[in-house]
Amino acid sequence: MTKLRLACVVGARPNFMKMAPILKAFEAHQGVETVLVHTGQHYDKNLSDVFFEELDMRRPDITLEVGSGKHGQQTARVIERFEEVLENATDDGRPFDRVLVVGDVNSTMATTIAAVKLGIPVAHVEAGLRSFDRTMPEEINRILTDAIADLLLVSDPAGMDNLRNEGHSEDEMVLVGNVMIDTLKQLLPQAQSRDTLARYGLTPGSYGLVTLHRPANVDTAESLGPLLDVLIETSKSLPLVFPIHPRTKQRIERFGFAKKLESAKGLLQLGPAGYLDFLALSSQSKVTVTDSGGLQEESTVLGIPCLTARPNTERPITVTEGTSTLVGNDANLLRNGLQAVLEGIYKTGKCPELWDGHAAKRIAKEIVEKADAS
């Protein structure tokens, strides 16, 4: 029997948490061969290698080593090198039957373009997410990927509506749920059994977690300064843990904010954390302040208040049904949200449909059935 050969693409930190359970789900299908391709968009050990280890994810079969760079440069390198993989990388000369991409990073869009131009169909996991803010590079990547992929695997009903509004037919899209939650549910017990909190002198439910890295929040002193002031103020009442992204750290130093952060005794600054340590911190916090899409989803499933430092979100279900509130980079809105959490009057949420830890099984089933029907 000829196996279905899939090129499964990862490129940046969020992709690993999504692809790990998908690869495991395909192991239940004997007629499927998965080839894991790592573009190398994120190549720092803290942002790449550690995730393969902690997620029990096999090493990549192919690495493109594109590295960082401007959007155009990075996209071009991915297209060029992935095109070569699709044409030449298999030892027996048998082509790939499908490419599987996840998320919305440059690698997602670039590998989709390379595949479709060679006549290879593409399945996109997390299709249909829209912030409706085209100043975000990720929004452009999402729109372009969905426009040319033939199988759109969607996280929530709003994504289905977005795709319908863009003219996609019902047979192109399937509601499969949120695969990021598969990884969370699988690794949560392991993460919470670690000594992470003890190492930092923290007690479950008695601290907040902060992550900030988006340009709108950190690239000017006028936006970053007031946000940091609110965090420092809050840390006097609630200890805050702040794993600082390299971009944010650079801006803090450039704008002269480092000293006042260091003087805030209740604000613990950390370097980038591995997935399990980070999940240990996020899952046992009292509140999350973030501009990360993934943390909006995780906090909703965990029932933890999430103040999202963005004016919009491609995951509106985390606001309408979940625990997230959009505060943009408005320091007053952030302050009010934190106060509501401290006073115990912050809203409660519920877990969205199909965010149940079984999305990867549904994804694998859809791809296999699509191949059998063709």
Protein backbone atom coordinates (compact mmCIF):
# COMPACT_ATOMS: atom_id res chain seq x y z
CA MET A 1 0.00 0.00 0.00
CA THR A 2 1.32 3.46 -0.91
CA LYS A 3 1.53 5.71 2.14
CA LEU A 4 0.15 9.23 2.26
CA ARG A 5 3.28 11.42 2.49
CA LEU A 6 2.88 14.69 4.40
CA ALA A 7 5.34 17.56 4.81
CA CYS A 8 4.55 19.01 8.26
CA VAL A 9 6.00 22.49 8.72
CA VAL A 10 7.13 24.28 11.88
CA GLY A 11 9.03 27.53 12.00
CA ALA A 12 8.53 29.47 15.21
CA ARG A 13 7.83 28.83 18.88
CA PRO A 14 4.00 28.63 18.77
CA ASN A 15 4.10 26.10 15.91
CA PHE A 16 5.76 23.43 18.03
CA MET A 17 2.95 23.22 20.58
CA LYS A 18 0.45 22.80 17.74
CA MET A 19 2.38 20.29 15.64
CA ALA A 20 3.43 17.95 18.46
CA PRO A 21 -0.03 16.45 19.11
CA ILE A 22 -0.78 16.33 15.36
CA LEU A 23 2.30 14.19 14.69
CA LYS A 24 1.26 11.86 17.52
CA ALA A 25 -2.28 11.63 16.13
CA PHE A 26 -0.98 10.52 12.73
CA GLU A 27 0.85 7.62 14.41
CA ALA A 28 -2.55 5.94 14.76
CA HIS A 29 -2.88 5.90 10.95
CA GLN A 30 -0.58 3.26 9.46
CA GLY A 31 -1.00 4.59 5.94
CA VAL A 32 0.56 7.98 6.71
CA GLU A 33 4.21 9.07 6.57
CA THR A 34 4.98 12.44 8.16
CA VAL A 35 8.14 14.38 7.32
CA LEU A 36 8.81 17.16 9.84
CA VAL A 37 10.30 20.27 8.24
CA HIS A 38 11.72 23.00 10.50
CA THR A 39 12.31 26.23 8.59
CA GLY A 40 14.53 27.64 11.32
CA GLN A 41 12.60 30.92 11.48
CA HIS A 42 13.27 30.79 15.22
CA TYR A 43 16.69 29.28 15.76
CA ASP A 44 17.66 30.33 19.29
CA LYS A 45 17.84 27.31 21.62
CA ASN A 46 15.41 28.88 24.08
CA LEU A 47 12.89 29.43 21.29
CA SER A 48 13.32 26.20 19.38
CA ASP A 49 15.35 23.19 20.54
CA VAL A 50 13.95 23.11 24.06
CA PHE A 51 10.44 22.67 22.71
CA PHE A 52 11.30 19.46 20.88
CA GLU A 53 12.66 18.08 24.15
CA GLU A 54 9.83 19.16 26.44
CA LEU A 55 7.02 18.33 24.04
CA ASP A 56 8.44 14.83 23.42
CA MET A 57 8.53 15.79 19.77
CA ARG A 58 10.90 14.09 17.39
CA ARG A 59 13.76 16.00 15.85
CA PRO A 60 13.09 17.55 12.42
CA ASP A 61 13.69 15.37 9.41
CA ILE A 62 14.66 18.46 7.39
CA THR A 63 15.93 21.83 8.60
CA LEU A 64 16.01 24.85 6.28
CA GLU A 65 17.99 27.16 8.61
CA VAL A 66 16.54 30.37 7.18
CA GLY A 67 17.24 32.43 10.32
CA SER A 68 15.86 35.89 11.06
CA GLY A 69 15.63 38.94 8.82
CA LYS A 70 13.19 41.37 7.28
CA HIS A 71 9.82 39.90 6.33
CA GLY A 72 10.61 39.88 2.61
CA GLN A 73 14.05 38.37 3.06
CA GLN A 74 12.85 35.66 5.41
CA THR A 75 9.82 34.81 3.27
CA ALA A 76 11.94 34.57 0.13
CA ARG A 77 14.45 32.25 1.80
CA VAL A 78 11.69 29.96 3.05
CA ILE A 79 10.04 29.78 -0.39
CA GLU A 80 13.34 29.06 -2.13
CA ARG A 81 14.53 26.39 0.28
CA PHE A 82 11.16 24.70 0.79
CA GLU A 83 10.58 24.56 -2.95
CA GLU A 84 13.82 22.63 -3.23
CA VAL A 85 12.68 20.24 -0.50
CA LEU A 86 9.40 19.59 -2.27
CA GLU A 87 11.17 18.88 -5.54
CA ASN A 88 14.25 16.97 -4.41
CA ALA A 89 14.33 15.94 -0.75
CA THR A 90 12.79 12.46 -0.86
CA ASP A 91 15.31 9.64 -1.31
CA ASP A 92 12.97 7.45 -3.36
CA GLY A 93 11.78 10.26 -5.58
CA ARG A 94 8.16 9.92 -4.44
CA PRO A 95 6.56 13.36 -4.07
CA PHE A 96 4.70 14.78 -1.12
CA ASP A 97 0.94 14.34 -1.30
CA ARG A 98 0.14 17.28 0.96
CA VAL A 99 1.74 20.03 3.04
CA LEU A 100 0.41 20.71 6.55
CA VAL A 101 0.98 24.17 8.04
CA VAL A 102 -0.05 25.63 11.39
CA GLY A 103 -0.52 29.14 12.72
CA ASP A 104 0.29 32.46 11.10
CA VAL A 105 4.04 33.06 11.02
CA ASN A 106 6.05 33.89 7.90
CA SER A 107 6.95 30.22 7.47
CA THR A 108 3.26 29.30 7.36
CA MET A 109 2.53 31.62 4.47
CA ALA A 110 5.80 31.07 2.60
CA THR A 111 5.66 27.26 2.58
CA THR A 112 2.03 27.42 1.48
CA ILE A 113 2.96 29.57 -1.52
CA ALA A 114 5.82 27.23 -2.46
CA ALA A 115 3.60 24.15 -2.26
CA VAL A 116 0.59 25.49 -4.13
CA LYS A 117 2.76 26.80 -6.98
CA LEU A 118 4.05 23.24 -7.39
CA GLY A 119 0.53 21.84 -7.40
CA ILE A 120 0.74 20.30 -3.91
CA PRO A 121 -2.39 20.79 -1.76
CA VAL A 122 -2.09 22.49 1.63
CA ALA A 123 -4.01 22.00 4.88
CA HIS A 124 -3.98 24.98 7.25
CA VAL A 125 -4.52 24.42 10.97
CA GLU A 126 -5.98 27.51 12.72
CA ALA A 127 -7.60 28.74 9.52
CA GLY A 128 -10.12 31.57 9.70
CA LEU A 129 -8.61 33.53 12.56
CA ARG A 130 -8.97 37.25 11.85
CA SER A 131 -8.11 40.37 13.83
CA PHE A 132 -9.21 42.59 10.90
CA ASP A 133 -6.06 44.62 11.50
CA ARG A 134 -3.88 44.51 8.43
CA THR A 135 -1.08 46.39 10.14
CA MET A 136 -0.26 43.05 11.80
CA PRO A 137 2.06 40.87 9.67
CA GLU A 138 0.33 37.79 11.08
CA GLU A 139 -3.01 38.95 9.66
CA ILE A 140 -1.55 39.15 6.16
CA ASN A 141 -0.04 35.68 6.60
CA ARG A 142 -3.41 34.27 7.69
CA ILE A 143 -5.35 35.80 4.82
CA LEU A 144 -2.89 34.70 2.15
CA THR A 145 -2.55 31.18 3.53
CA ASP A 146 -6.31 30.63 3.72
CA ALA A 147 -6.82 32.08 0.24
CA ILE A 148 -4.77 29.35 -1.45
CA ALA A 149 -4.94 26.35 0.92
CA ASP A 150 -7.57 23.76 -0.04
CA LEU A 151 -8.30 22.30 3.43
CA LEU A 152 -9.06 24.83 6.17
CA LEU A 153 -9.04 23.38 9.69
CA VAL A 154 -10.76 25.83 12.00
CA SER A 155 -10.54 26.42 15.76
CA ASP A 156 -13.91 28.04 16.51
CA PRO A 157 -17.24 29.02 14.91
CA ALA A 158 -16.16 32.64 14.33
CA GLY A 159 -13.38 31.33 12.08
CA MET A 160 -15.96 29.40 10.04
CA ASP A 161 -18.00 32.59 9.61
CA ASN A 162 -14.92 34.57 8.55
CA LEU A 163 -14.09 32.03 5.86
CA ARG A 164 -17.68 31.98 4.58
CA ASN A 165 -17.61 35.76 4.34
CA GLU A 166 -14.44 35.48 2.26
CA GLY A 167 -16.17 33.17 -0.18
CA HIS A 168 -14.92 29.76 0.89
CA SER A 169 -17.24 26.80 0.34
CA GLU A 170 -18.37 24.46 3.09
CA ASP A 171 -16.41 21.53 1.70
CA GLU A 172 -13.13 23.45 2.11
CA MET A 173 -13.45 24.03 5.86
CA VAL A 174 -13.92 21.88 8.94
CA LEU A 175 -14.43 22.89 12.57
CA VAL A 176 -11.89 20.76 14.44
CA GLY A 177 -11.27 22.70 17.66
CA ASN A 178 -8.13 24.21 19.15
CA VAL A 179 -5.05 22.00 18.84
CA MET A 180 -3.02 24.22 21.18
CA ILE A 181 -5.26 23.00 23.98
CA ASP A 182 -4.32 19.37 23.21
CA THR A 183 -0.76 20.14 24.29
CA LEU A 184 -1.88 22.11 27.33
CA LYS A 185 -4.09 19.31 28.62
CA GLN A 186 -1.48 16.65 27.94
CA LEU A 187 1.38 18.44 29.69
CA LEU A 188 -0.45 20.33 32.44
CA PRO A 189 0.02 17.66 35.15
CA GLN A 190 3.72 17.37 34.31
CA ALA A 191 4.16 21.14 34.35
CA GLN A 192 2.41 21.63 37.68
CA SER A 193 4.44 18.85 39.30
CA ARG A 194 7.69 20.73 38.63
CA ASP A 195 9.38 22.85 41.28
CA THR A 196 9.02 25.99 39.18
CA LEU A 197 6.98 28.00 41.67
CA ALA A 198 9.11 26.91 44.62
CA ARG A 199 12.27 28.04 42.79
CA TYR A 200 10.85 31.54 42.55
CA GLY A 201 9.21 31.65 45.97
CA LEU A 202 5.69 31.71 44.54
CA THR A 203 2.40 30.30 45.83
CA PRO A 204 -0.32 29.08 43.44
CA GLY A 205 -2.99 31.73 42.84
CA SER A 206 -1.03 34.49 44.58
CA TYR A 207 0.87 36.13 41.71
CA GLY A 208 0.35 37.50 38.23
CA LEU A 209 2.11 36.63 34.98
CA VAL A 210 3.15 39.27 32.44
CA THR A 211 4.35 38.90 28.83
CA LEU A 212 4.75 41.83 26.43
CA HIS A 213 6.54 41.86 23.09
CA ARG A 214 4.40 43.41 20.34
CA PRO A 215 5.73 46.61 18.74
CA ALA A 216 2.62 48.64 19.64
CA ASN A 217 3.36 48.00 23.31
CA VAL A 218 7.13 48.03 23.56
CA ASP A 219 8.62 50.00 20.67
CA THR A 220 8.05 53.50 22.07
CA ALA A 221 8.68 54.93 25.51
CA GLU A 222 5.24 56.58 25.36
CA SER A 223 3.46 53.20 25.19
CA LEU A 224 5.80 51.02 27.25
CA GLY A 225 6.46 53.46 30.12
CA PRO A 226 2.87 53.83 31.41
CA LEU A 227 2.26 50.07 31.14
CA LEU A 228 5.37 49.38 33.23
CA ASP A 229 4.23 52.00 35.76
CA VAL A 230 0.94 50.14 36.25
CA LEU A 231 2.76 46.83 36.64
CA ILE A 232 5.15 48.28 39.21
CA GLU A 233 2.22 49.80 41.09
CA THR A 234 0.29 46.50 41.05
CA SER A 235 3.33 44.51 42.17
CA LYS A 236 3.08 46.22 45.57
CA SER A 237 -0.19 44.34 46.14
CA LEU A 238 0.30 41.28 43.95
CA PRO A 239 3.70 39.82 43.03
CA LEU A 240 4.21 39.75 39.26
CA VAL A 241 6.40 37.41 37.24
CA PHE A 242 7.72 38.94 34.01
CA PRO A 243 9.58 36.62 31.60
CA ILE A 244 11.05 39.32 29.38
CA HIS A 245 11.23 38.78 25.63
CA PRO A 246 14.59 39.82 24.11
CA ARG A 247 12.87 42.57 22.11
CA THR A 248 11.23 43.97 25.22
CA LYS A 249 14.43 43.79 27.25
CA GLN A 250 16.24 45.78 24.58
CA ARG A 251 13.58 48.49 24.60
CA ILE A 252 13.52 48.69 28.40
CA GLU A 253 17.25 49.33 28.43
CA ARG A 254 17.10 51.78 25.51
CA PHE A 255 14.38 53.89 27.14
CA GLY A 256 16.05 53.94 30.55
CA PHE A 257 13.39 51.91 32.38
CA ALA A 258 15.68 49.17 33.70
CA LYS A 259 16.49 50.79 37.06
CA LYS A 260 12.90 51.42 38.08
CA LEU A 261 11.97 47.84 37.18
CA GLU A 262 14.85 46.49 39.24
CA SER A 263 13.75 48.60 42.21
CA ALA A 264 10.26 47.05 42.17
CA LYS A 265 10.62 44.31 44.79
CA GLY A 266 7.35 42.62 43.84
CA LEU A 267 8.22 42.29 40.15
CA LEU A 268 10.33 39.27 39.28
CA GLN A 269 12.13 39.53 35.94
CA LEU A 270 12.99 36.27 34.18
CA GLY A 271 14.58 35.33 30.89
CA PRO A 272 12.67 33.33 28.24
CA ALA A 273 11.29 30.15 29.83
CA GLY A 274 10.88 26.64 28.44
CA TYR A 275 7.35 25.45 27.73
CA LEU A 276 6.88 23.37 30.88
CA ASP A 277 8.21 26.05 33.24
CA PHE A 278 6.11 28.65 31.49
CA LEU A 279 2.99 26.47 31.67
CA ALA A 280 3.66 25.91 35.37
CA LEU A 281 3.70 29.69 35.83
CA SER A 282 0.74 30.52 33.60
CA SER A 283 -1.58 27.77 34.84
CA GLN A 284 -1.19 28.66 38.52
CA SER A 285 -1.32 32.45 38.28
CA LYS A 286 -4.09 34.69 39.57
CA VAL A 287 -4.09 36.87 36.45
CA THR A 288 -2.30 37.09 33.11
CA VAL A 289 -1.30 40.31 31.36
CA THR A 290 -0.24 39.54 27.80
CA ASP A 291 -0.20 40.47 24.13
CA SER A 292 0.23 36.81 23.12
CA GLY A 293 -2.53 35.03 21.22
CA GLY A 294 -1.70 31.65 22.69
CA LEU A 295 -1.97 32.88 26.27
CA GLN A 296 -5.43 34.28 25.56
CA GLU A 297 -6.51 30.77 24.62
CA GLU A 298 -4.76 28.99 27.48
CA SER A 299 -6.09 31.37 30.14
CA THR A 300 -9.65 30.87 28.86
CA VAL A 301 -9.36 27.08 29.16
CA LEU A 302 -7.74 27.39 32.59
CA GLY A 303 -10.34 29.91 33.81
CA ILE A 304 -7.70 32.53 34.64
CA PRO A 305 -8.42 36.26 34.09
CA CYS A 306 -6.49 37.57 31.08
CA LEU A 307 -5.92 41.27 30.37
CA THR A 308 -4.94 41.34 26.71
CA ALA A 309 -2.73 44.28 25.81
CA ARG A 310 -4.06 44.60 22.27
CA PRO A 311 -6.80 46.73 20.69
CA ASN A 312 -8.12 43.70 18.77
CA THR A 313 -7.77 39.94 18.69
CA GLU A 314 -8.02 37.19 16.09
CA ARG A 315 -9.42 35.06 18.91
CA PRO A 316 -12.62 36.96 19.84
CA ILE A 317 -14.14 33.87 21.43
CA THR A 318 -11.69 34.32 24.31
CA VAL A 319 -13.38 37.68 24.97
CA THR A 320 -17.01 36.80 24.25
CA GLU A 321 -16.99 33.40 25.96
CA GLY A 322 -13.67 33.23 27.77
CA THR A 323 -11.73 35.15 30.39
CA SER A 324 -9.97 37.73 28.21
CA THR A 325 -10.55 41.49 28.19
CA LEU A 326 -8.95 43.76 25.60
CA VAL A 327 -7.14 46.70 27.20
CA GLY A 328 -4.89 47.73 24.30
CA ASN A 329 -1.91 49.72 25.56
CA ASP A 330 -4.17 51.92 27.68
CA ALA A 331 -2.60 52.07 31.14
CA ASN A 332 -5.88 53.08 32.78
CA LEU A 333 -7.77 50.13 31.31
CA LEU A 334 -4.99 47.82 32.47
CA ARG A 335 -5.09 49.31 35.95
CA ASN A 336 -8.88 48.94 36.16
CA GLY A 337 -8.72 45.33 35.01
CA LEU A 338 -6.07 44.42 37.55
CA GLN A 339 -8.08 46.13 40.27
CA ALA A 340 -11.16 44.10 39.32
CA VAL A 341 -9.13 40.91 39.67
CA LEU A 342 -7.75 41.96 43.06
CA GLU A 343 -11.24 42.85 44.27
CA GLY A 344 -12.67 39.54 43.07
CA ILE A 345 -15.19 41.13 40.70
CA TYR A 346 -13.60 40.17 37.37
CA LYS A 347 -15.84 38.25 34.95
CA THR A 348 -15.90 34.47 34.69
CA GLY A 349 -15.81 32.60 31.39
CA LYS A 350 -16.40 29.18 29.87
CA CYS A 351 -14.39 26.81 27.70
CA PRO A 352 -15.36 27.03 24.00
CA GLU A 353 -16.76 24.11 22.04
CA LEU A 354 -14.20 21.47 20.94
CA TRP A 355 -11.37 22.95 23.00
CA ASP A 356 -11.27 19.54 24.61
CA GLY A 357 -7.80 18.11 23.98
CA HIS A 358 -8.84 16.00 20.96
CA ALA A 359 -8.43 18.46 18.07
CA ALA A 360 -5.34 16.68 16.70
CA LYS A 361 -7.27 13.42 16.28
CA ARG A 362 -9.95 15.26 14.31
CA ILE A 363 -7.28 16.98 12.18
CA ALA A 364 -5.57 13.68 11.32
CA LYS A 365 -8.92 12.07 10.50
CA GLU A 366 -9.92 14.89 8.13
CA ILE A 367 -6.61 14.81 6.24
CA VAL A 368 -6.69 11.03 5.84
CA GLU A 369 -10.32 11.08 4.69
CA LYS A 370 -9.57 13.88 2.24
CA ALA A 371 -6.78 11.79 0.73
CA ASP A 372 -8.96 8.67 0.55
CA ALA A 373 -11.67 10.60 -1.25
CA SER A 374 -9.36 12.06 -3.88
